[in-house]
Amino acid sequence: MQFFSDNVAPVHPAVFAAMQAADAVDSGYDGDRLSKALDARFSALFGREAVALWLPTGTVANAIALATICPPYGGVICHHEAHIQNDECGAPEFYTHGAKLLLAGGADAKMTPETAAVVADAIPNDVHRVQPRALSLTNATELGTVYTPAEVRALATLAATRGWRVHMDGARLANAAVHLGCSPADLTRGVDVLSFGFVKNGGLSAEALVFFDPALADDALRRRKRGGHLLSKGRYLAAQIHAMLDGDLWLANARAANTAAARLARAASGRLVHPVEANELFLRMTPDEAAALRAKGYGFYDWSAGVIRLVTHWASRPDEVDALATAIAAL
């Protein structure tokens, strides 16, 4: 009974079916009909012109996005809990050829214009210092909280006044959209490039990098090739993305994950370290209590001293979720 991550979830059957349907002779790389249709698909989804590239992992999507909007001598302001800071083994620095991550604070892994400005304002504007060129925010965050549309717009406004580009790590964007009940367009006002996650939400091996400034996309296409991520049979990645967007499957899957997390949150309300706004929970728990849950067959990560992390996903079984909720309440 695994609650380690939404990466443990199975692939949704519709994704496999779409890949099977794409299993025919077509153009290679991104010249096939499914890959070519992604721009129009995402433009319709967001209500504005967009250029979309498939990529195999969220790490490379984030890294290529940042390389496209930040020069090697620039800096990217992000929260100190951000995935690009703590979980990507230096990939952003590698792909940008040396751009620096500038770490900001903020409660529950959310930056504010004030915390981002504090970082920038502390840097003298001279040739000896790395100057901020971009801002990267994660929605939903690494601590399972969600930026509202107003909060995203406030950060984007700050970035615009400072001349920074804006990247959003949307590995769990679906969970954020479901929690808020708003459209993806509402969550990305002022964002230049979005890493749109599918793998954690029922996909197999496809993420989308969505550019709202089409002029940036040509550079990203070349970086994708140079970085070794232009797959020769890209239609199978494109097929996964289309399948997840069809009938709003991406939202239905996220809704199932969020619902399971909310069930656990109700059972563990006195233990919650952060608000539960998506599909991640962080609970205060002693080592003996954590061991007792593991003895019952539950898998999860120790996050920090006295804190564990639980993550639900689209296929979390209600009986397993209910059993874990009962076990937590009984501790």
C-alpha atoms as a PDB file:
ATOM      1  CA  MET A   1       0.000   0.000   0.000  1.00  0.00           C
ATOM      2  CA  GLN A   2       2.209   2.708  -1.383  1.00  0.00           C
ATOM      3  CA  PHE A   3       1.899   6.385  -0.477  1.00  0.00           C
ATOM      4  CA  PHE A   4       5.468   7.314  -1.393  1.00  0.00           C
ATOM      5  CA  SER A   5       4.606   9.475  -4.415  1.00  0.00           C
ATOM      6  CA  ASP A   6       2.159   9.870  -7.268  1.00  0.00           C
ATOM      7  CA  ASN A   7       4.986   8.497  -9.425  1.00  0.00           C
ATOM      8  CA  VAL A   8       4.111   5.029  -8.099  1.00  0.00           C
ATOM      9  CA  ALA A   9       0.664   5.172  -9.726  1.00  0.00           C
ATOM     10  CA  PRO A  10      -0.178   2.974 -12.716  1.00  0.00           C
ATOM     11  CA  VAL A  11      -0.615   4.411 -16.180  1.00  0.00           C
ATOM     12  CA  HIS A  12      -4.222   5.232 -17.007  1.00  0.00           C
ATOM     13  CA  PRO A  13      -5.707   2.735 -19.495  1.00  0.00           C
ATOM     14  CA  ALA A  14      -6.708   5.560 -21.844  1.00  0.00           C
ATOM     15  CA  VAL A  15      -3.042   6.485 -22.190  1.00  0.00           C
ATOM     16  CA  PHE A  16      -2.068   2.969 -23.225  1.00  0.00           C
ATOM     17  CA  ALA A  17      -4.999   2.885 -25.631  1.00  0.00           C
ATOM     18  CA  ALA A  18      -3.891   6.155 -27.221  1.00  0.00           C
ATOM     19  CA  MET A  19      -0.352   4.864 -27.653  1.00  0.00           C
ATOM     20  CA  GLN A  20      -1.701   1.720 -29.289  1.00  0.00           C
ATOM     21  CA  ALA A  21      -3.813   3.834 -31.627  1.00  0.00           C
ATOM     22  CA  ALA A  22      -0.689   5.808 -32.558  1.00  0.00           C
ATOM     23  CA  ASP A  23       1.207   2.609 -33.346  1.00  0.00           C
ATOM     24  CA  ALA A  24       1.324   3.108 -37.087  1.00  0.00           C
ATOM     25  CA  VAL A  25       3.706   4.509 -39.656  1.00  0.00           C
ATOM     26  CA  ASP A  26       4.004   8.279 -39.352  1.00  0.00           C
ATOM     27  CA  SER A  27       6.666  10.962 -39.557  1.00  0.00           C
ATOM     28  CA  GLY A  28       9.530  10.793 -37.101  1.00  0.00           C
ATOM     29  CA  TYR A  29      10.609  13.072 -34.280  1.00  0.00           C
ATOM     30  CA  ASP A  30       7.929  15.773 -33.884  1.00  0.00           C
ATOM     31  CA  GLY A  31       6.730  15.799 -37.488  1.00  0.00           C
ATOM     32  CA  ASP A  32       3.802  13.453 -36.917  1.00  0.00           C
ATOM     33  CA  ARG A  33       0.166  14.561 -36.877  1.00  0.00           C
ATOM     34  CA  LEU A  34      -0.227  14.189 -33.114  1.00  0.00           C
ATOM     35  CA  SER A  35       2.840  16.268 -32.276  1.00  0.00           C
ATOM     36  CA  LYS A  36       1.852  18.932 -34.785  1.00  0.00           C
ATOM     37  CA  ALA A  37      -1.586  19.193 -33.195  1.00  0.00           C
ATOM     38  CA  LEU A  38      -0.251  20.055 -29.725  1.00  0.00           C
ATOM     39  CA  ASP A  39       0.080  23.799 -30.365  1.00  0.00           C
ATOM     40  CA  ALA A  40      -3.584  24.145 -31.265  1.00  0.00           C
ATOM     41  CA  ARG A  41      -4.608  21.853 -28.409  1.00  0.00           C
ATOM     42  CA  PHE A  42      -2.868  23.926 -25.763  1.00  0.00           C
ATOM     43  CA  SER A  43      -3.834  27.236 -27.368  1.00  0.00           C
ATOM     44  CA  ALA A  44      -7.475  26.189 -27.001  1.00  0.00           C
ATOM     45  CA  LEU A  45      -6.930  24.993 -23.432  1.00  0.00           C
ATOM     46  CA  PHE A  46      -5.364  28.261 -22.311  1.00  0.00           C
ATOM     47  CA  GLY A  47      -7.301  30.637 -24.526  1.00  0.00           C
ATOM     48  CA  ARG A  48      -4.211  32.238 -26.011  1.00  0.00           C
ATOM     49  CA  GLU A  49      -1.503  31.373 -28.487  1.00  0.00           C
ATOM     50  CA  ALA A  50       0.790  28.665 -27.205  1.00  0.00           C
ATOM     51  CA  VAL A  51       3.581  26.492 -28.559  1.00  0.00           C
ATOM     52  CA  ALA A  52       3.915  23.086 -26.911  1.00  0.00           C
ATOM     53  CA  LEU A  53       6.787  20.599 -26.918  1.00  0.00           C
ATOM     54  CA  TRP A  54       6.678  17.085 -25.525  1.00  0.00           C
ATOM     55  CA  LEU A  55       9.500  15.982 -23.258  1.00  0.00           C
ATOM     56  CA  PRO A  56      10.047  12.736 -21.346  1.00  0.00           C
ATOM     57  CA  THR A  57      10.584  14.070 -17.807  1.00  0.00           C
ATOM     58  CA  GLY A  58       9.614  16.979 -15.622  1.00  0.00           C
ATOM     59  CA  THR A  59      13.251  17.623 -14.763  1.00  0.00           C
ATOM     60  CA  VAL A  60      14.269  18.218 -18.356  1.00  0.00           C
ATOM     61  CA  ALA A  61      11.128  20.282 -18.975  1.00  0.00           C
ATOM     62  CA  ASN A  62      12.015  22.583 -16.093  1.00  0.00           C
ATOM     63  CA  ALA A  63      15.674  22.741 -17.054  1.00  0.00           C
ATOM     64  CA  ILE A  64      15.089  23.546 -20.723  1.00  0.00           C
ATOM     65  CA  ALA A  65      12.459  26.111 -19.781  1.00  0.00           C
ATOM     66  CA  LEU A  66      14.907  27.919 -17.509  1.00  0.00           C
ATOM     67  CA  ALA A  67      17.716  27.689 -20.040  1.00  0.00           C
ATOM     68  CA  THR A  68      15.438  29.363 -22.560  1.00  0.00           C
ATOM     69  CA  ILE A  69      14.591  32.340 -20.341  1.00  0.00           C
ATOM     70  CA  CYS A  70      17.778  32.839 -18.313  1.00  0.00           C
ATOM     71  CA  PRO A  71      21.350  33.358 -19.585  1.00  0.00           C
ATOM     72  CA  PRO A  72      24.315  31.524 -18.017  1.00  0.00           C
ATOM     73  CA  TYR A  73      25.329  34.632 -16.097  1.00  0.00           C
ATOM     74  CA  GLY A  74      21.822  35.255 -14.738  1.00  0.00           C
ATOM     75  CA  GLY A  75      19.841  34.073 -11.755  1.00  0.00           C
ATOM     76  CA  VAL A  76      16.489  32.372 -11.202  1.00  0.00           C
ATOM     77  CA  ILE A  77      14.563  33.305  -8.071  1.00  0.00           C
ATOM     78  CA  CYS A  78      12.718  30.317  -6.629  1.00  0.00           C
ATOM     79  CA  HIS A  79      11.513  29.103  -3.249  1.00  0.00           C
ATOM     80  CA  HIS A  80      14.079  27.225  -1.180  1.00  0.00           C
ATOM     81  CA  GLU A  81      11.694  24.225  -1.175  1.00  0.00           C
ATOM     82  CA  ALA A  82      11.398  24.187  -4.980  1.00  0.00           C
ATOM     83  CA  HIS A  83      11.908  20.978  -6.921  1.00  0.00           C
ATOM     84  CA  ILE A  84      14.456  22.704  -9.166  1.00  0.00           C
ATOM     85  CA  GLN A  85      16.517  23.454  -6.062  1.00  0.00           C
ATOM     86  CA  ASN A  86      16.252  20.218  -4.092  1.00  0.00           C
ATOM     87  CA  ASP A  87      15.344  17.368  -6.431  1.00  0.00           C
ATOM     88  CA  GLU A  88      16.936  17.814  -9.850  1.00  0.00           C
ATOM     89  CA  CYS A  89      20.623  17.112  -9.178  1.00  0.00           C
ATOM     90  CA  GLY A  90      21.756  20.444 -10.631  1.00  0.00           C
ATOM     91  CA  ALA A  91      19.919  19.962 -13.943  1.00  0.00           C
ATOM     92  CA  PRO A  92      18.818  23.632 -14.146  1.00  0.00           C
ATOM     93  CA  GLU A  93      22.406  24.777 -13.656  1.00  0.00           C
ATOM     94  CA  PHE A  94      23.609  22.173 -16.158  1.00  0.00           C
ATOM     95  CA  TYR A  95      21.152  23.108 -18.911  1.00  0.00           C
ATOM     96  CA  THR A  96      21.522  26.863 -18.376  1.00  0.00           C
ATOM     97  CA  HIS A  97      25.324  26.444 -18.410  1.00  0.00           C
ATOM     98  CA  GLY A  98      25.700  27.958 -14.975  1.00  0.00           C
ATOM     99  CA  ALA A  99      22.759  30.207 -14.120  1.00  0.00           C
ATOM    100  CA  LYS A 100      22.366  30.534 -10.357  1.00  0.00           C
ATOM    101  CA  LEU A 101      19.289  29.641  -8.322  1.00  0.00           C
ATOM    102  CA  LEU A 102      18.497  32.471  -5.899  1.00  0.00           C
ATOM    103  CA  LEU A 103      16.495  31.155  -2.974  1.00  0.00           C
ATOM    104  CA  ALA A 104      13.505  32.981  -1.506  1.00  0.00           C
ATOM    105  CA  GLY A 105      11.350  32.213   1.514  1.00  0.00           C
ATOM    106  CA  GLY A 106       7.638  32.174   2.166  1.00  0.00           C
ATOM    107  CA  ALA A 107       5.253  30.133   4.285  1.00  0.00           C
ATOM    108  CA  ASP A 108       4.188  26.685   3.046  1.00  0.00           C
ATOM    109  CA  ALA A 109       6.656  26.774   0.122  1.00  0.00           C
ATOM    110  CA  LYS A 110       4.973  29.797  -1.482  1.00  0.00           C
ATOM    111  CA  MET A 111       6.905  32.892  -2.462  1.00  0.00           C
ATOM    112  CA  THR A 112       5.322  36.306  -2.260  1.00  0.00           C
ATOM    113  CA  PRO A 113       6.320  39.455  -4.142  1.00  0.00           C
ATOM    114  CA  GLU A 114       7.860  40.643  -0.893  1.00  0.00           C
ATOM    115  CA  THR A 115      10.018  37.559  -0.303  1.00  0.00           C
ATOM    116  CA  ALA A 116      11.135  37.514  -3.938  1.00  0.00           C
ATOM    117  CA  ALA A 117      11.958  41.222  -3.853  1.00  0.00           C
ATOM    118  CA  VAL A 118      14.029  40.793  -0.695  1.00  0.00           C
ATOM    119  CA  VAL A 119      16.307  38.411  -2.580  1.00  0.00           C
ATOM    120  CA  ALA A 120      16.666  40.694  -5.578  1.00  0.00           C
ATOM    121  CA  ASP A 121      17.106  43.890  -3.593  1.00  0.00           C
ATOM    122  CA  ALA A 122      19.992  42.405  -1.620  1.00  0.00           C
ATOM    123  CA  ILE A 123      22.048  42.018  -4.814  1.00  0.00           C
ATOM    124  CA  PRO A 124      24.050  45.093  -5.858  1.00  0.00           C
ATOM    125  CA  ASN A 125      23.468  45.936  -9.492  1.00  0.00           C
ATOM    126  CA  ASP A 126      26.999  45.634 -10.749  1.00  0.00           C
ATOM    127  CA  VAL A 127      28.988  43.408 -13.049  1.00  0.00           C
ATOM    128  CA  HIS A 128      30.381  41.359 -10.166  1.00  0.00           C
ATOM    129  CA  ARG A 129      27.050  39.891  -9.064  1.00  0.00           C
ATOM    130  CA  VAL A 130      24.585  37.497 -10.630  1.00  0.00           C
ATOM    131  CA  GLN A 131      21.468  39.473 -11.493  1.00  0.00           C
ATOM    132  CA  PRO A 132      17.974  37.923 -11.430  1.00  0.00           C
ATOM    133  CA  ARG A 133      16.641  37.263 -14.910  1.00  0.00           C
ATOM    134  CA  ALA A 134      13.790  34.875 -14.156  1.00  0.00           C
ATOM    135  CA  LEU A 135      11.362  33.771 -11.487  1.00  0.00           C
ATOM    136  CA  SER A 136      10.193  30.175 -11.087  1.00  0.00           C
ATOM    137  CA  LEU A 137       7.187  29.130  -9.005  1.00  0.00           C
ATOM    138  CA  THR A 138       5.751  25.672  -8.383  1.00  0.00           C
ATOM    139  CA  ASN A 139       1.995  25.038  -8.470  1.00  0.00           C
ATOM    140  CA  ALA A 140       1.025  22.939  -6.597  1.00  0.00           C
ATOM    141  CA  THR A 141       4.065  23.426  -4.370  1.00  0.00           C
ATOM    142  CA  GLU A 142       6.407  20.813  -2.997  1.00  0.00           C
ATOM    143  CA  LEU A 143       4.554  21.031   0.320  1.00  0.00           C
ATOM    144  CA  GLY A 144       1.141  20.412  -1.196  1.00  0.00           C
ATOM    145  CA  THR A 145      -0.105  23.992  -1.113  1.00  0.00           C
ATOM    146  CA  VAL A 146      -1.515  25.983  -4.002  1.00  0.00           C
ATOM    147  CA  TYR A 147      -0.923  29.442  -5.461  1.00  0.00           C
ATOM    148  CA  THR A 148      -4.186  31.211  -6.242  1.00  0.00           C
ATOM    149  CA  PRO A 149      -4.610  33.101  -9.518  1.00  0.00           C
ATOM    150  CA  ALA A 150      -4.229  36.378  -7.606  1.00  0.00           C
ATOM    151  CA  GLU A 151      -0.962  35.191  -6.046  1.00  0.00           C
ATOM    152  CA  VAL A 152       0.403  34.120  -9.420  1.00  0.00           C
ATOM    153  CA  ARG A 153      -0.555  37.468 -10.949  1.00  0.00           C
ATOM    154  CA  ALA A 154       1.131  39.357  -8.107  1.00  0.00           C
ATOM    155  CA  LEU A 155       4.398  37.506  -8.666  1.00  0.00           C
ATOM    156  CA  ALA A 156       4.111  37.927 -12.434  1.00  0.00           C
ATOM    157  CA  THR A 157       3.534  41.650 -11.975  1.00  0.00           C
ATOM    158  CA  LEU A 158       6.680  41.930  -9.865  1.00  0.00           C
ATOM    159  CA  ALA A 159       8.608  40.026 -12.521  1.00  0.00           C
ATOM    160  CA  ALA A 160       7.310  42.293 -15.274  1.00  0.00           C
ATOM    161  CA  THR A 161       8.351  45.428 -13.387  1.00  0.00           C
ATOM    162  CA  ARG A 162      11.845  43.978 -12.888  1.00  0.00           C
ATOM    163  CA  GLY A 163      12.239  42.653 -16.423  1.00  0.00           C
ATOM    164  CA  TRP A 164      12.230  38.975 -15.409  1.00  0.00           C
ATOM    165  CA  ARG A 165      10.689  36.089 -17.302  1.00  0.00           C
ATOM    166  CA  VAL A 166       8.356  33.743 -15.404  1.00  0.00           C
ATOM    167  CA  HIS A 167       8.424  29.937 -15.355  1.00  0.00           C
ATOM    168  CA  MET A 168       5.872  27.736 -13.636  1.00  0.00           C
ATOM    169  CA  ASP A 169       6.671  24.183 -12.608  1.00  0.00           C
ATOM    170  CA  GLY A 170       3.259  22.599 -13.083  1.00  0.00           C
ATOM    171  CA  ALA A 171       4.087  18.980 -12.324  1.00  0.00           C
ATOM    172  CA  ARG A 172       0.896  18.999 -10.236  1.00  0.00           C
ATOM    173  CA  LEU A 173      -0.937  21.825 -11.978  1.00  0.00           C
ATOM    174  CA  ALA A 174      -4.002  19.605 -12.352  1.00  0.00           C
ATOM    175  CA  ASN A 175      -4.241  19.188  -8.584  1.00  0.00           C
ATOM    176  CA  ALA A 176      -4.018  22.949  -8.114  1.00  0.00           C
ATOM    177  CA  ALA A 177      -6.706  23.632 -10.722  1.00  0.00           C
ATOM    178  CA  VAL A 178      -9.073  21.092  -9.168  1.00  0.00           C
ATOM    179  CA  HIS A 179      -8.544  22.456  -5.662  1.00  0.00           C
ATOM    180  CA  LEU A 180      -9.311  26.007  -6.760  1.00  0.00           C
ATOM    181  CA  GLY A 181     -12.004  25.133  -9.273  1.00  0.00           C
ATOM    182  CA  CYS A 182     -10.479  27.471 -11.817  1.00  0.00           C
ATOM    183  CA  SER A 183      -9.248  27.131 -15.369  1.00  0.00           C
ATOM    184  CA  PRO A 184      -5.595  26.559 -16.271  1.00  0.00           C
ATOM    185  CA  ALA A 185      -5.674  29.931 -17.992  1.00  0.00           C
ATOM    186  CA  ASP A 186      -6.551  31.604 -14.686  1.00  0.00           C
ATOM    187  CA  LEU A 187      -3.542  29.956 -13.035  1.00  0.00           C
ATOM    188  CA  THR A 188      -1.022  31.068 -15.641  1.00  0.00           C
ATOM    189  CA  ARG A 189      -1.677  34.768 -16.241  1.00  0.00           C
ATOM    190  CA  GLY A 190       1.704  36.418 -16.676  1.00  0.00           C
ATOM    191  CA  VAL A 191       3.590  33.121 -17.042  1.00  0.00           C
ATOM    192  CA  ASP A 192       5.974  32.884 -20.013  1.00  0.00           C
ATOM    193  CA  VAL A 193       6.620  29.146 -19.971  1.00  0.00           C
ATOM    194  CA  LEU A 194       4.891  26.294 -18.176  1.00  0.00           C
ATOM    195  CA  SER A 195       6.073  22.780 -17.414  1.00  0.00           C
ATOM    196  CA  PHE A 196       2.747  20.955 -17.658  1.00  0.00           C
ATOM    197  CA  GLY A 197       2.892  17.660 -15.788  1.00  0.00           C
ATOM    198  CA  PHE A 198       1.240  14.431 -16.932  1.00  0.00           C
ATOM    199  CA  VAL A 199       3.401  11.607 -15.581  1.00  0.00           C
ATOM    200  CA  LYS A 200       2.339  12.077 -11.933  1.00  0.00           C
ATOM    201  CA  ASN A 201      -1.294  12.216 -13.025  1.00  0.00           C
ATOM    202  CA  GLY A 202      -1.751   9.044 -15.042  1.00  0.00           C
ATOM    203  CA  GLY A 203       0.724   9.475 -17.887  1.00  0.00           C
ATOM    204  CA  LEU A 204       3.583   7.160 -18.774  1.00  0.00           C
ATOM    205  CA  SER A 205       6.511   9.163 -20.111  1.00  0.00           C
ATOM    206  CA  ALA A 206       5.311  12.499 -21.425  1.00  0.00           C
ATOM    207  CA  GLU A 207       5.344  16.035 -20.094  1.00  0.00           C
ATOM    208  CA  ALA A 208       4.521  19.206 -22.015  1.00  0.00           C
ATOM    209  CA  LEU A 209       6.572  22.384 -22.138  1.00  0.00           C
ATOM    210  CA  VAL A 210       4.152  25.165 -23.042  1.00  0.00           C
ATOM    211  CA  PHE A 211       5.400  28.552 -24.250  1.00  0.00           C
ATOM    212  CA  PHE A 212       3.028  31.504 -24.078  1.00  0.00           C
ATOM    213  CA  ASP A 213       5.627  33.598 -25.869  1.00  0.00           C
ATOM    214  CA  PRO A 214       6.012  31.671 -29.134  1.00  0.00           C
ATOM    215  CA  ALA A 215       9.257  33.501 -29.878  1.00  0.00           C
ATOM    216  CA  LEU A 216      10.935  31.482 -27.141  1.00  0.00           C
ATOM    217  CA  ALA A 217       9.992  28.108 -28.579  1.00  0.00           C
ATOM    218  CA  ASP A 218      12.538  27.909 -31.399  1.00  0.00           C
ATOM    219  CA  ASP A 219      15.399  28.113 -28.929  1.00  0.00           C
ATOM    220  CA  ALA A 220      13.777  25.407 -26.791  1.00  0.00           C
ATOM    221  CA  LEU A 221      13.386  23.109 -29.807  1.00  0.00           C
ATOM    222  CA  ARG A 222      17.108  23.278 -30.429  1.00  0.00           C
ATOM    223  CA  ARG A 223      17.930  22.792 -26.760  1.00  0.00           C
ATOM    224  CA  ARG A 224      15.698  19.707 -26.721  1.00  0.00           C
ATOM    225  CA  LYS A 225      17.637  18.224 -29.623  1.00  0.00           C
ATOM    226  CA  ARG A 226      21.053  19.176 -28.249  1.00  0.00           C
ATOM    227  CA  GLY A 227      20.158  17.729 -24.865  1.00  0.00           C
ATOM    228  CA  GLY A 228      19.270  14.362 -26.377  1.00  0.00           C
ATOM    229  CA  HIS A 229      15.519  14.566 -25.741  1.00  0.00           C
ATOM    230  CA  LEU A 230      14.168  14.729 -29.296  1.00  0.00           C
ATOM    231  CA  LEU A 231      12.796  11.197 -29.398  1.00  0.00           C
ATOM    232  CA  SER A 232      12.630   9.683 -32.861  1.00  0.00           C
ATOM    233  CA  LYS A 233       9.116   8.307 -32.226  1.00  0.00           C
ATOM    234  CA  GLY A 234       7.666  11.322 -30.536  1.00  0.00           C
ATOM    235  CA  ARG A 235       4.138  10.470 -31.590  1.00  0.00           C
ATOM    236  CA  TYR A 236       3.888   8.106 -28.617  1.00  0.00           C
ATOM    237  CA  LEU A 237       4.544  10.989 -26.212  1.00  0.00           C
ATOM    238  CA  ALA A 238       2.122  13.253 -28.043  1.00  0.00           C
ATOM    239  CA  ALA A 239      -0.507  10.512 -27.924  1.00  0.00           C
ATOM    240  CA  GLN A 240      -0.250  10.363 -24.138  1.00  0.00           C
ATOM    241  CA  ILE A 241      -0.777  14.102 -23.818  1.00  0.00           C
ATOM    242  CA  HIS A 242      -3.805  14.120 -26.103  1.00  0.00           C
ATOM    243  CA  ALA A 243      -5.318  11.201 -24.192  1.00  0.00           C
ATOM    244  CA  MET A 244      -4.941  13.003 -20.877  1.00  0.00           C
ATOM    245  CA  LEU A 245      -6.551  16.162 -22.247  1.00  0.00           C
ATOM    246  CA  ASP A 246      -9.425  14.301 -23.918  1.00  0.00           C
ATOM    247  CA  GLY A 247     -12.584  14.674 -21.875  1.00  0.00           C
ATOM    248  CA  ASP A 248     -10.588  16.481 -19.162  1.00  0.00           C
ATOM    249  CA  LEU A 249      -9.124  13.194 -17.954  1.00  0.00           C
ATOM    250  CA  TRP A 250      -6.248  15.173 -16.431  1.00  0.00           C
ATOM    251  CA  LEU A 251      -8.736  16.952 -14.151  1.00  0.00           C
ATOM    252  CA  ALA A 252     -10.692  13.806 -13.285  1.00  0.00           C
ATOM    253  CA  ASN A 253      -7.489  12.036 -12.256  1.00  0.00           C
ATOM    254  CA  ALA A 254      -6.375  14.969 -10.134  1.00  0.00           C
ATOM    255  CA  ARG A 255      -9.799  15.159  -8.514  1.00  0.00           C
ATOM    256  CA  ALA A 256      -9.507  11.519  -7.459  1.00  0.00           C
ATOM    257  CA  ALA A 257      -6.067  12.128  -5.968  1.00  0.00           C
ATOM    258  CA  ASN A 258      -7.178  15.251  -4.118  1.00  0.00           C
ATOM    259  CA  THR A 259     -10.254  13.499  -2.759  1.00  0.00           C
ATOM    260  CA  ALA A 260      -8.121  10.699  -1.336  1.00  0.00           C
ATOM    261  CA  ALA A 261      -5.765  13.223   0.265  1.00  0.00           C
ATOM    262  CA  ALA A 262      -8.676  15.089   1.826  1.00  0.00           C
ATOM    263  CA  ARG A 263      -9.928  11.839   3.366  1.00  0.00           C
ATOM    264  CA  LEU A 264      -6.551  11.295   5.029  1.00  0.00           C
ATOM    265  CA  ALA A 265      -6.375  14.931   6.111  1.00  0.00           C
ATOM    266  CA  ARG A 266      -9.650  14.651   7.995  1.00  0.00           C
ATOM    267  CA  ALA A 267      -8.323  11.661   9.917  1.00  0.00           C
ATOM    268  CA  ALA A 268      -5.018  13.380  10.711  1.00  0.00           C
ATOM    269  CA  SER A 269      -6.115  16.983  11.204  1.00  0.00           C
ATOM    270  CA  GLY A 270      -4.216  17.386  14.462  1.00  0.00           C
ATOM    271  CA  ARG A 271      -0.979  16.222  12.855  1.00  0.00           C
ATOM    272  CA  LEU A 272      -0.939  18.383   9.721  1.00  0.00           C
ATOM    273  CA  VAL A 273       2.165  20.523   9.231  1.00  0.00           C
ATOM    274  CA  HIS A 274       0.857  22.345   6.135  1.00  0.00           C
ATOM    275  CA  PRO A 275      -2.587  22.902   4.634  1.00  0.00           C
ATOM    276  CA  VAL A 276      -3.676  20.026   2.390  1.00  0.00           C
ATOM    277  CA  GLU A 277      -4.651  21.697  -0.887  1.00  0.00           C
ATOM    278  CA  ALA A 278      -3.593  19.072  -3.407  1.00  0.00           C
ATOM    279  CA  ASN A 279      -2.526  15.436  -3.011  1.00  0.00           C
ATOM    280  CA  GLU A 280       0.370  15.672  -0.554  1.00  0.00           C
ATOM    281  CA  LEU A 281       0.172  15.500   3.239  1.00  0.00           C
ATOM    282  CA  PHE A 282       2.875  16.217   5.792  1.00  0.00           C
ATOM    283  CA  LEU A 283       2.156  14.785   9.221  1.00  0.00           C
ATOM    284  CA  ARG A 284       3.867  15.079  12.582  1.00  0.00           C
ATOM    285  CA  MET A 285       4.713  11.567  13.680  1.00  0.00           C
ATOM    286  CA  THR A 286       7.149   9.950  16.061  1.00  0.00           C
ATOM    287  CA  PRO A 287       9.506   7.248  14.781  1.00  0.00           C
ATOM    288  CA  ASP A 288       7.550   4.624  16.731  1.00  0.00           C
ATOM    289  CA  GLU A 289       4.266   5.762  15.175  1.00  0.00           C
ATOM    290  CA  ALA A 290       5.769   5.719  11.690  1.00  0.00           C
ATOM    291  CA  ALA A 291       7.145   2.241  12.339  1.00  0.00           C
ATOM    292  CA  ALA A 292       3.693   1.081  13.442  1.00  0.00           C
ATOM    293  CA  LEU A 293       2.186   2.224  10.137  1.00  0.00           C
ATOM    294  CA  ARG A 294       4.955   0.582   8.142  1.00  0.00           C
ATOM    295  CA  ALA A 295       4.381  -2.636  10.058  1.00  0.00           C
ATOM    296  CA  LYS A 296       0.826  -2.591   8.712  1.00  0.00           C
ATOM    297  CA  GLY A 297       2.161  -2.425   5.155  1.00  0.00           C
ATOM    298  CA  TYR A 298       2.027   1.312   4.388  1.00  0.00           C
ATOM    299  CA  GLY A 299       4.890   2.844   2.423  1.00  0.00           C
ATOM    300  CA  PHE A 300       5.828   6.543   2.718  1.00  0.00           C
ATOM    301  CA  TYR A 301       8.806   8.833   3.106  1.00  0.00           C
ATOM    302  CA  ASP A 302      10.249  10.352   6.244  1.00  0.00           C
ATOM    303  CA  TRP A 303      10.407  14.003   5.235  1.00  0.00           C
ATOM    304  CA  SER A 304      12.221  15.662   8.139  1.00  0.00           C
ATOM    305  CA  ALA A 305      12.685  15.080  11.852  1.00  0.00           C
ATOM    306  CA  GLY A 306       9.309  14.033  13.212  1.00  0.00           C
ATOM    307  CA  VAL A 307       7.485  14.576   9.885  1.00  0.00           C
ATOM    308  CA  ILE A 308       6.359  12.063   7.258  1.00  0.00           C
ATOM    309  CA  ARG A 309       4.981  12.662   3.751  1.00  0.00           C
ATOM    310  CA  LEU A 310       2.023  10.859   2.227  1.00  0.00           C
ATOM    311  CA  VAL A 311       1.068  11.268  -1.433  1.00  0.00           C
ATOM    312  CA  THR A 312      -2.123  10.019  -3.047  1.00  0.00           C
ATOM    313  CA  HIS A 313      -2.734   9.528  -6.761  1.00  0.00           C
ATOM    314  CA  TRP A 314      -5.460   8.988  -9.338  1.00  0.00           C
ATOM    315  CA  ALA A 315      -5.625   5.256  -8.666  1.00  0.00           C
ATOM    316  CA  SER A 316      -5.403   5.317  -4.870  1.00  0.00           C
ATOM    317  CA  ARG A 317      -7.810   2.603  -3.769  1.00  0.00           C
ATOM    318  CA  PRO A 318     -10.577   3.886  -1.493  1.00  0.00           C
ATOM    319  CA  ASP A 319     -10.309   0.845   0.763  1.00  0.00           C
ATOM    320  CA  GLU A 320      -6.572   1.408   1.261  1.00  0.00           C
ATOM    321  CA  VAL A 321      -7.092   5.122   1.869  1.00  0.00           C
ATOM    322  CA  ASP A 322      -9.832   4.419   4.410  1.00  0.00           C
ATOM    323  CA  ALA A 323      -7.701   1.794   6.134  1.00  0.00           C
ATOM    324  CA  LEU A 324      -4.760   4.187   6.402  1.00  0.00           C
ATOM    325  CA  ALA A 325      -7.041   6.952   7.710  1.00  0.00           C
ATOM    326  CA  THR A 326      -8.312   4.543  10.389  1.00  0.00           C
ATOM    327  CA  ALA A 327      -4.762   3.486  11.280  1.00  0.00           C
ATOM    328  CA  ILE A 328      -3.604   7.098  11.634  1.00  0.00           C
ATOM    329  CA  ALA A 329      -6.599   8.033  13.760  1.00  0.00           C
ATOM    330  CA  ALA A 330      -5.888   5.060  16.028  1.00  0.00           C
ATOM    331  CA  LEU A 331      -2.278   6.032  16.766  1.00  0.00           C
END
